[in-house]
């Protein structure tokens, strides 16, 4: 079948990475995949262009997207349209069904929409609710990446939760094996234990909490913290690092396309997000046998770690609890084989088959 994956762009985020990984599996299954982007940009664009057809709708304004998507679908024999990230998850099914009832429209939601709307203006919240109410109902299938996301979609759209398919995000193919032969980045070659955090530098990821907790460790200069990612909160985090006097032990190297050397060298992965749709990077850490400490945020982490069976869950915004959990996991880490077995539940081939069953 010919599958079109509709995304805003291909920046280095979790939803974008997930759809690339699914695309590889769809092709292995005999399908043809084309990425349809509102704007062709982002850190993952070059990878997508190397392996797949990429269509740039060149749509600077969201209000122009329905028309451009309509012309694209009319000119191409698309059989499956997968739309990810609101409002594309409602625009895709709406336009797809207008073009042809034969198109299998799948709305794949990766985020808690009600969380992102709390700071929006009332008119925006009303529009979001109405669009979800209409758009999701036009989709052949509504997919949520976690139980929490499914519950949120159900509340917003009034679709029974039993009718929403829960399909977790896939584990990146490279993460299945711990590759000790990889060359370490220069910053990881000095002695000492290594803690890593991975994700966009935004307030939602709450890396300020991680830095605060790190500053409370008994011997912080014997341990290094690397927070991998880029984003608008960098200046605030850099100022916090300076105020705490941690310039020699806390580092912000930026976005990293290849995470294998970092996971292979890490003694601990710490996740401090205030909100997650799923939490792909938690699964990636487990796949390398890296012990995990995570905030018990909605939703994702508790599901992935199975209520703390495969990692430590701590309350959000509690730097003391996070510090104690970090110390405890460094002193008594979980057995790597137990963690890798859990990660195997999210292999990309298994997840892709669940999507293929919807086609």
Protein backbone atom coordinates (compact mmCIF):
# COMPACT_ATOMS: atom_id res chain seq x y z
CA UNK A 1 0.00 0.00 0.00
CA UNK A 2 1.08 3.61 -0.47
CA UNK A 3 1.31 5.36 2.89
CA UNK A 4 1.56 9.11 3.44
CA UNK A 5 2.80 10.31 6.84
CA UNK A 6 1.67 13.88 7.54
CA UNK A 7 3.83 15.90 9.95
CA UNK A 8 4.46 19.61 10.63
CA UNK A 9 8.20 19.12 9.93
CA UNK A 10 11.06 16.80 10.87
CA UNK A 11 12.70 18.54 13.81
CA UNK A 12 14.52 16.28 16.26
CA UNK A 13 11.54 15.50 18.48
CA UNK A 14 10.07 12.24 19.71
CA UNK A 15 7.03 12.09 17.41
CA UNK A 16 9.16 12.84 14.36
CA UNK A 17 11.70 10.15 15.28
CA UNK A 18 8.93 7.63 15.91
CA UNK A 19 7.38 8.14 12.48
CA UNK A 20 10.76 7.72 10.78
CA UNK A 21 11.31 4.45 12.62
CA UNK A 22 7.82 3.24 11.68
CA UNK A 23 8.45 4.19 8.05
CA UNK A 24 11.50 1.89 7.91
CA UNK A 25 9.36 -0.99 9.18
CA UNK A 26 6.53 -0.25 6.75
CA UNK A 27 8.98 -0.42 3.85
CA UNK A 28 10.36 -3.72 5.16
CA UNK A 29 6.77 -4.94 5.13
CA UNK A 30 6.43 -4.16 1.42
CA UNK A 31 4.68 -0.79 1.63
CA UNK A 32 5.68 2.51 0.00
CA UNK A 33 6.08 5.50 2.33
CA UNK A 34 6.06 9.20 1.55
CA UNK A 35 6.53 11.96 4.14
CA UNK A 36 4.24 14.93 3.62
CA UNK A 37 5.50 17.94 5.56
CA UNK A 38 3.82 21.24 6.28
CA UNK A 39 7.34 22.67 6.00
CA UNK A 40 10.43 20.66 4.99
CA UNK A 41 12.87 21.50 7.76
CA UNK A 42 14.38 20.04 10.91
CA UNK A 43 17.30 17.95 12.11
CA UNK A 44 15.82 14.69 10.79
CA UNK A 45 14.98 16.00 7.30
CA UNK A 46 18.23 14.85 5.69
CA UNK A 47 17.76 11.29 6.97
CA UNK A 48 14.20 11.19 5.64
CA UNK A 49 15.23 12.52 2.23
CA UNK A 50 17.96 9.88 2.02
CA UNK A 51 15.58 6.95 2.49
CA UNK A 52 12.09 8.15 1.55
CA UNK A 53 10.21 10.46 -0.76
CA UNK A 54 9.56 13.79 0.98
CA UNK A 55 6.89 16.26 -0.13
CA UNK A 56 7.16 19.88 1.03
CA UNK A 57 3.75 21.55 1.13
CA UNK A 58 5.52 24.88 1.85
CA UNK A 59 2.71 25.96 4.09
CA UNK A 60 3.72 28.82 6.37
CA UNK A 61 0.20 29.29 7.77
CA UNK A 62 -1.86 26.46 9.19
CA UNK A 63 -5.04 27.82 7.62
CA UNK A 64 -3.59 27.12 4.15
CA UNK A 65 -2.77 23.50 4.95
CA UNK A 66 -6.18 21.92 4.13
CA UNK A 67 -6.12 23.30 0.58
CA UNK A 68 -2.55 22.19 -0.10
CA UNK A 69 -3.14 18.77 1.42
CA UNK A 70 -6.30 18.42 -0.70
CA UNK A 71 -4.35 19.04 -3.92
CA UNK A 72 -1.63 16.62 -2.84
CA UNK A 73 -4.10 13.80 -2.10
CA UNK A 74 -6.01 14.44 -5.33
CA UNK A 75 -2.80 14.10 -7.32
CA UNK A 76 -1.48 10.98 -5.61
CA UNK A 77 -3.04 7.56 -5.11
CA UNK A 78 -2.63 7.46 -1.34
CA UNK A 79 -4.24 4.47 0.39
CA UNK A 80 -3.24 5.18 4.01
CA UNK A 81 -2.86 8.64 5.57
CA UNK A 82 -1.22 8.75 8.99
CA UNK A 83 -1.47 12.18 10.62
CA UNK A 84 0.54 12.94 13.74
CA UNK A 85 0.39 15.91 16.12
CA UNK A 86 -2.60 18.23 16.55
CA UNK A 87 -4.02 20.00 14.55
CA UNK A 88 -2.76 17.73 11.75
CA UNK A 89 -4.52 14.82 13.48
CA UNK A 90 -7.85 16.49 12.73
CA UNK A 91 -6.95 18.17 9.41
CA UNK A 92 -5.65 14.91 7.93
CA UNK A 93 -8.82 12.81 8.42
CA UNK A 94 -11.04 15.75 7.44
CA UNK A 95 -9.29 16.38 4.11
CA UNK A 96 -8.58 12.69 3.48
CA UNK A 97 -12.23 11.70 3.72
CA UNK A 98 -13.28 14.68 1.59
CA UNK A 99 -10.93 13.49 -1.18
CA UNK A 100 -11.83 9.79 -1.01
CA UNK A 101 -13.70 7.54 1.37
CA UNK A 102 -11.27 4.78 0.36
CA UNK A 103 -8.33 6.46 2.12
CA UNK A 104 -7.66 4.83 5.49
CA UNK A 105 -7.20 7.88 7.74
CA UNK A 106 -5.30 7.29 10.98
CA UNK A 107 -4.95 10.02 13.60
CA UNK A 108 -1.92 9.26 15.79
CA UNK A 109 -1.77 11.44 18.89
CA UNK A 110 1.46 11.67 20.87
CA UNK A 111 0.67 14.37 23.43
CA UNK A 112 -1.75 15.32 26.19
CA UNK A 113 -3.74 18.01 24.39
CA UNK A 114 -5.51 19.26 27.50
CA UNK A 115 -2.15 20.06 29.12
CA UNK A 116 -0.92 22.10 26.19
CA UNK A 117 -4.15 24.09 26.09
CA UNK A 118 -4.14 25.32 29.70
CA UNK A 119 -2.09 28.41 28.87
CA UNK A 120 -3.94 29.10 25.59
CA UNK A 121 -6.59 31.73 25.10
CA UNK A 122 -10.18 30.62 25.56
CA UNK A 123 -10.95 30.90 21.83
CA UNK A 124 -8.01 28.60 21.06
CA UNK A 125 -9.18 26.05 23.63
CA UNK A 126 -12.70 26.08 22.20
CA UNK A 127 -11.36 25.62 18.66
CA UNK A 128 -9.15 22.75 19.82
CA UNK A 129 -12.07 20.99 21.48
CA UNK A 130 -14.43 21.42 18.50
CA UNK A 131 -11.81 20.34 15.97
CA UNK A 132 -11.01 17.23 17.99
CA UNK A 133 -14.70 16.44 18.35
CA UNK A 134 -15.15 16.54 14.56
CA UNK A 135 -11.78 15.49 13.17
CA UNK A 136 -11.14 12.42 15.31
CA UNK A 137 -14.58 11.05 14.46
CA UNK A 138 -13.75 11.20 10.74
CA UNK A 139 -10.64 9.06 11.20
CA UNK A 140 -10.91 5.35 10.53
CA UNK A 141 -8.71 4.78 13.55
CA UNK A 142 -7.59 7.00 16.42
CA UNK A 143 -4.28 5.87 17.91
CA UNK A 144 -2.89 6.98 21.27
CA UNK A 145 0.67 6.22 22.31
CA UNK A 146 -0.28 5.56 25.94
CA UNK A 147 -3.28 4.95 28.18
CA UNK A 148 -3.05 8.52 29.46
CA UNK A 149 -3.18 10.00 25.97
CA UNK A 150 -6.14 7.75 25.14
CA UNK A 151 -8.01 8.98 28.22
CA UNK A 152 -7.28 12.59 27.28
CA UNK A 153 -8.51 12.10 23.70
CA UNK A 154 -11.66 10.48 25.04
CA UNK A 155 -12.38 13.44 27.33
CA UNK A 156 -11.87 15.98 24.56
CA UNK A 157 -13.60 14.20 21.68
CA UNK A 158 -16.25 12.22 23.60
CA UNK A 159 -15.10 9.10 21.78
CA UNK A 160 -15.34 6.07 24.11
CA UNK A 161 -11.88 5.14 25.33
CA UNK A 162 -12.54 1.54 24.27
CA UNK A 163 -12.64 2.71 20.63
CA UNK A 164 -9.20 4.35 20.78
CA UNK A 165 -6.30 2.09 19.84
CA UNK A 166 -3.34 2.20 22.22
CA UNK A 167 -0.10 1.56 20.32
CA UNK A 168 3.08 2.44 22.16
CA UNK A 169 5.95 4.15 20.39
CA UNK A 170 8.59 1.85 18.87
CA UNK A 171 12.13 1.37 20.09
CA UNK A 172 14.72 2.70 17.67
CA UNK A 173 16.44 -0.08 15.75
CA UNK A 174 19.92 0.94 16.84
CA UNK A 175 19.07 0.67 20.52
CA UNK A 176 18.59 -3.09 20.72
CA UNK A 177 22.28 -3.83 21.40
CA UNK A 178 24.72 -2.20 23.78
CA UNK A 179 27.63 -1.36 21.51
CA UNK A 180 30.78 -1.16 23.65
CA UNK A 181 32.98 -0.80 20.55
CA UNK A 182 31.63 2.66 19.74
CA UNK A 183 34.10 5.49 20.02
CA UNK A 184 33.26 7.70 22.97
CA UNK A 185 32.89 11.47 22.53
CA UNK A 186 35.90 13.30 23.96
CA UNK A 187 33.83 14.67 26.85
CA UNK A 188 33.09 11.12 28.07
CA UNK A 189 36.67 9.87 28.18
CA UNK A 190 37.66 11.33 31.55
CA UNK A 191 37.19 9.09 34.62
CA UNK A 192 34.07 9.28 36.76
CA UNK A 193 30.44 8.25 36.57
CA UNK A 194 28.08 9.70 33.99
CA UNK A 195 24.44 10.75 34.25
CA UNK A 196 22.55 11.74 31.12
CA UNK A 197 19.26 13.46 30.37
CA UNK A 198 17.90 13.68 26.83
CA UNK A 199 15.24 15.93 25.35
CA UNK A 200 14.40 19.43 24.17
CA UNK A 201 15.53 22.22 26.46
CA UNK A 202 12.07 23.43 27.40
CA UNK A 203 10.30 24.24 30.66
CA UNK A 204 8.16 21.12 30.28
CA UNK A 205 11.24 18.89 30.40
CA UNK A 206 12.18 20.64 33.68
CA UNK A 207 15.95 20.21 33.50
CA UNK A 208 16.24 22.90 36.16
CA UNK A 209 14.95 20.25 38.58
CA UNK A 210 17.67 17.84 37.44
CA UNK A 211 20.39 20.46 37.94
CA UNK A 212 19.02 21.32 41.39
CA UNK A 213 19.02 17.66 42.38
CA UNK A 214 22.50 17.16 40.97
CA UNK A 215 23.82 20.07 43.03
CA UNK A 216 22.66 18.24 46.17
CA UNK A 217 24.70 15.10 45.51
CA UNK A 218 27.36 14.49 48.17
CA UNK A 219 30.25 14.48 45.66
CA UNK A 220 28.98 16.19 42.50
CA UNK A 221 32.46 16.72 41.02
CA UNK A 222 33.06 12.96 40.86
CA UNK A 223 29.97 12.64 38.67
CA UNK A 224 29.25 14.35 35.37
CA UNK A 225 25.82 15.32 34.09
CA UNK A 226 25.18 15.73 30.35
CA UNK A 227 21.82 17.08 29.18
CA UNK A 228 21.53 16.38 25.44
CA UNK A 229 19.15 18.53 23.46
CA UNK A 230 18.46 22.04 22.27
CA UNK A 231 15.72 24.53 22.95
CA UNK A 232 14.58 27.91 24.27
CA UNK A 233 15.36 27.17 27.92
CA UNK A 234 19.14 26.94 27.32
CA UNK A 235 19.97 30.47 28.66
CA UNK A 236 18.08 29.83 31.90
CA UNK A 237 19.78 26.48 32.41
CA UNK A 238 23.22 27.94 31.71
CA UNK A 239 22.60 30.65 34.30
CA UNK A 240 21.49 28.05 36.84
CA UNK A 241 24.62 25.98 36.22
CA UNK A 242 26.76 29.07 36.84
CA UNK A 243 24.88 30.03 40.02
CA UNK A 244 25.41 26.55 41.38
CA UNK A 245 29.08 26.56 40.43
CA UNK A 246 28.68 23.40 38.34
CA UNK A 247 30.44 24.50 35.14
CA UNK A 248 32.96 21.67 35.47
CA UNK A 249 30.42 18.90 36.05
CA UNK A 250 27.19 19.82 34.20
CA UNK A 251 27.24 20.17 30.41
CA UNK A 252 24.74 21.03 27.65
CA UNK A 253 26.33 19.58 24.46
CA UNK A 254 23.26 20.28 22.28
CA UNK A 255 21.25 17.99 20.00
CA UNK A 256 22.87 14.63 19.24
CA UNK A 257 21.72 12.61 16.25
CA UNK A 258 23.52 9.43 17.36
CA UNK A 259 22.82 8.63 21.00
CA UNK A 260 24.52 5.22 21.04
CA UNK A 261 27.87 6.42 22.47
CA UNK A 262 26.07 8.30 25.22
CA UNK A 263 23.83 5.41 26.26
CA UNK A 264 26.77 3.01 26.07
CA UNK A 265 28.77 5.21 28.45
CA UNK A 266 25.99 6.22 30.87
CA UNK A 267 25.74 4.95 34.44
CA UNK A 268 22.27 6.45 34.91
CA UNK A 269 19.53 8.07 32.84
CA UNK A 270 17.35 10.68 34.56
CA UNK A 271 14.04 11.91 33.15
CA UNK A 272 12.51 15.02 34.77
CA UNK A 273 9.61 15.92 32.50
CA UNK A 274 6.42 17.49 33.86
CA UNK A 275 4.34 15.94 31.09
CA UNK A 276 4.83 13.21 28.49
CA UNK A 277 2.66 11.55 25.92
CA UNK A 278 4.84 8.46 26.16
CA UNK A 279 8.58 8.94 26.78
CA UNK A 280 10.54 7.25 23.96
CA UNK A 281 13.92 7.99 25.48
CA UNK A 282 13.06 5.95 28.59
CA UNK A 283 12.67 2.85 26.43
CA UNK A 284 15.94 3.62 24.64
CA UNK A 285 17.77 3.86 27.97
CA UNK A 286 16.31 0.52 29.08
CA UNK A 287 17.40 -1.09 25.80
CA UNK A 288 21.02 -0.32 26.67
CA UNK A 289 20.57 -1.66 30.19
CA UNK A 290 20.97 1.83 31.66
CA UNK A 291 19.21 2.28 35.04
CA UNK A 292 16.44 4.89 35.03
CA UNK A 293 15.12 7.46 37.48
CA UNK A 294 12.05 9.39 36.30
CA UNK A 295 9.48 11.83 37.56
CA UNK A 296 6.07 10.24 37.88
CA UNK A 297 4.55 12.64 35.37
CA UNK A 298 1.43 12.13 33.30
CA UNK A 299 1.56 9.91 31.37
CA UNK A 300 4.11 7.47 29.88
CA UNK A 301 6.82 6.83 32.50
CA UNK A 302 4.65 4.85 34.91
CA UNK A 303 3.41 2.67 32.04
CA UNK A 304 6.90 2.09 30.62
CA UNK A 305 8.49 1.38 34.00
CA UNK A 306 5.45 -0.66 35.12
CA UNK A 307 4.78 1.22 38.35
CA UNK A 308 8.46 1.28 39.29
CA UNK A 309 9.34 -2.34 38.49
CA UNK A 310 11.92 -1.28 35.89
CA UNK A 311 13.03 2.08 37.30
CA UNK A 312 12.52 4.52 40.15
CA UNK A 313 9.58 6.94 39.98
CA UNK A 314 9.74 10.15 42.04
CA UNK A 315 7.22 12.98 42.58
CA UNK A 316 7.41 15.91 40.19
CA UNK A 317 9.20 19.09 41.29
CA UNK A 318 10.79 17.40 44.34
CA UNK A 319 14.54 17.92 44.02
CA UNK A 320 15.29 16.21 47.35
CA UNK A 321 13.41 13.04 46.36
CA UNK A 322 15.11 13.09 42.97
CA UNK A 323 18.54 13.50 44.58
CA UNK A 324 17.93 10.55 46.92
CA UNK A 325 16.72 8.39 44.02
CA UNK A 326 19.82 9.24 41.98
CA UNK A 327 22.10 8.30 44.87
CA UNK A 328 20.20 5.07 45.48
CA UNK A 329 20.32 3.98 41.84
CA UNK A 330 24.01 4.82 41.47
CA UNK A 331 24.78 2.81 44.59
CA UNK A 332 22.51 -0.14 43.73
CA UNK A 333 21.74 -0.17 39.98
CA UNK A 334 19.19 -2.54 38.48
CA UNK A 335 20.39 -5.59 36.58
CA UNK A 336 20.89 -4.59 32.89
CA UNK A 337 19.41 -7.83 31.52
CA UNK A 338 16.12 -7.13 33.31
CA UNK A 339 15.94 -3.69 31.69
CA UNK A 340 16.78 -4.90 28.18
CA UNK A 341 14.08 -7.59 28.40
CA UNK A 342 11.51 -4.91 29.18
CA UNK A 343 12.72 -2.76 26.26
CA UNK A 344 12.23 -5.70 23.87
CA UNK A 345 8.45 -5.29 24.33
CA UNK A 346 8.70 -2.11 22.25
CA UNK A 347 10.65 -3.42 19.25
CA UNK A 348 9.78 -1.44 16.13
CA UNK A 349 8.77 -4.55 14.17
CA UNK A 350 6.16 -5.41 16.80
CA UNK A 351 4.76 -1.87 16.88
CA UNK A 352 4.65 -1.57 13.08
CA UNK A 353 2.60 -4.78 12.87
CA UNK A 354 -0.01 -3.22 15.13
CA UNK A 355 -0.30 -0.25 12.76
CA UNK A 356 -0.35 -2.52 9.72
CA UNK A 357 -3.32 -4.39 11.17
CA UNK A 358 -5.27 -1.11 10.96
CA UNK A 359 -4.53 -0.68 7.23
